[in-house]
Amino acid sequence: MSAKKGAGGVPVQLLLEAEQHKVTVEMKNSEIYRGLLISSEETMNVSLTDVILTARDGRVSKLHAVYLRGSNIRFIVLPDVLRDAPLFNKVRKMKKTMEEKVGTGFGGGGSKRKRAV
């Protein structure tokens, strides 16, 4: 039930790339879920299987499957293997293009108008 591969912004596309990998999800209520990412949606809702849940008080539970609402997710830790994802090459190119157009943003590249005295 995952969304199309071209939909959404960079975070959503990266989440789609992470499907079928182990991820860690921390919720706003401080619960931590670690499991296999089965599917994700543009709203960042995620389905995990073979889950280990660490509750706020430190208790650990094993769950077969969970569905987590995106609006309750604080952050998601993705596997290191995604560093080489083609999506990042696209982002790097976009960043380089923006830096060439705008400059570094640390002064010296702004408007060169003369001020009236």
Protein backbone atom coordinates (compact mmCIF):
# COMPACT_ATOMS: atom_id res chain seq x y z
CA MET A 1 0.00 0.00 0.00
CA SER A 2 2.94 2.31 -0.53
CA ALA A 3 2.64 5.48 -2.56
CA LYS A 4 4.15 6.04 -5.99
CA LYS A 5 7.94 6.32 -6.11
CA GLY A 6 7.90 9.88 -7.54
CA ALA A 7 5.41 11.33 -5.09
CA GLY A 8 6.13 13.61 -2.16
CA GLY A 9 9.21 15.50 -1.08
CA VAL A 10 12.67 14.18 -0.34
CA PRO A 11 11.86 12.82 3.17
CA VAL A 12 8.89 10.84 1.83
CA GLN A 13 10.88 9.53 -1.13
CA LEU A 14 13.66 8.46 1.21
CA LEU A 15 11.15 6.66 3.41
CA LEU A 16 9.86 4.82 0.33
CA GLU A 17 13.46 3.80 -0.47
CA ALA A 18 13.76 2.35 3.04
CA GLU A 19 10.98 -0.19 2.51
CA GLN A 20 12.12 -3.78 3.15
CA HIS A 21 14.88 -2.53 5.49
CA LYS A 22 15.13 -2.49 9.30
CA VAL A 23 14.25 0.92 10.76
CA THR A 24 13.84 2.45 14.20
CA VAL A 25 10.87 4.75 14.83
CA GLU A 26 10.61 6.99 17.89
CA MET A 27 7.13 8.23 18.66
CA LYS A 28 6.18 11.54 20.27
CA ASN A 29 5.24 9.63 23.43
CA SER A 30 8.86 8.31 23.59
CA GLU A 31 8.03 4.72 22.63
CA ILE A 32 10.61 3.17 20.30
CA TYR A 33 9.69 0.64 17.60
CA ARG A 34 12.33 -1.32 15.68
CA GLY A 35 11.32 -3.60 12.84
CA LEU A 36 11.14 -4.31 9.13
CA LEU A 37 9.52 -1.46 7.19
CA ILE A 38 6.86 -3.11 5.04
CA SER A 39 5.12 -0.04 3.64
CA SER A 40 4.94 3.72 4.01
CA GLU A 41 2.63 6.45 2.81
CA GLU A 42 2.94 10.10 1.83
CA THR A 43 1.54 10.99 5.26
CA MET A 44 4.52 9.09 6.74
CA ASN A 45 2.24 6.41 8.18
CA VAL A 46 4.34 3.23 8.34
CA SER A 47 3.77 -0.51 8.70
CA LEU A 48 6.41 -2.58 10.49
CA THR A 49 6.68 -6.32 11.08
CA ASP A 50 8.80 -8.36 13.53
CA VAL A 51 8.78 -5.40 15.89
CA ILE A 52 10.60 -4.86 19.17
CA LEU A 53 8.83 -2.19 21.22
CA THR A 54 10.69 -0.37 23.97
CA ALA A 55 8.18 1.43 26.19
CA ARG A 56 8.84 4.70 27.99
CA ASP A 57 9.60 2.84 31.21
CA GLY A 58 12.14 0.55 29.49
CA ARG A 59 9.96 -2.56 29.17
CA VAL A 60 10.63 -4.50 25.96
CA SER A 61 7.91 -6.33 24.02
CA LYS A 62 7.85 -8.29 20.77
CA LEU A 63 5.02 -7.62 18.34
CA HIS A 64 4.21 -9.32 15.05
CA ALA A 65 3.10 -6.16 13.21
CA VAL A 66 2.28 -2.51 13.91
CA TYR A 67 0.85 0.41 11.95
CA LEU A 68 2.15 3.79 13.13
CA ARG A 69 0.46 7.09 12.37
CA GLY A 70 2.83 9.59 10.75
CA SER A 71 1.62 12.57 12.79
CA ASN A 72 2.68 10.78 16.00
CA ILE A 73 6.22 10.00 14.77
CA ARG A 74 9.06 12.11 16.19
CA PHE A 75 11.78 10.68 13.92
CA ILE A 76 12.81 7.60 11.96
CA VAL A 77 16.32 6.13 11.92
CA LEU A 78 17.06 4.66 8.50
CA PRO A 79 19.76 2.10 7.67
CA ASP A 80 23.23 3.29 6.58
CA VAL A 81 22.90 1.48 3.26
CA LEU A 82 20.59 4.28 2.08
CA ARG A 83 23.48 6.76 2.07
CA ASP A 84 24.25 5.49 -1.43
CA ALA A 85 20.64 5.80 -2.62
CA PRO A 86 20.24 7.49 -6.02
CA LEU A 87 17.96 10.02 -4.36
CA PHE A 88 20.93 11.57 -2.53
CA ASN A 89 22.81 12.10 -5.80
CA LYS A 90 19.84 14.13 -7.02
CA VAL A 91 19.80 16.16 -3.78
CA ARG A 92 23.56 16.80 -3.99
CA LYS A 93 23.18 18.08 -7.56
CA MET A 94 20.31 20.35 -6.53
CA LYS A 95 22.35 21.71 -3.60
CA LYS A 96 25.37 22.38 -5.82
CA THR A 97 23.18 24.18 -8.37
CA MET A 98 21.61 26.33 -5.65
CA GLU A 99 25.01 27.23 -4.20
CA GLU A 100 26.27 28.25 -7.63
CA LYS A 101 23.22 30.47 -8.21
CA VAL A 102 23.09 32.07 -4.77
CA GLY A 103 26.66 31.83 -3.52
CA THR A 104 27.54 30.71 -0.04
CA GLY A 105 25.21 33.12 1.71
CA PHE A 106 27.92 34.56 3.94
CA GLY A 107 27.98 38.08 2.51
CA GLY A 108 29.80 39.64 -0.36
CA GLY A 109 27.40 38.34 -2.97
CA GLY A 110 24.44 40.56 -2.36
CA SER A 111 23.13 43.49 -4.30
CA LYS A 112 25.78 45.91 -5.53
CA ARG A 113 23.51 48.97 -5.62
CA LYS A 114 24.95 52.25 -4.53
CA ARG A 115 23.15 53.86 -1.66
CA ALA A 116 22.05 57.46 -1.86
CA VAL A 117 23.94 59.59 0.62
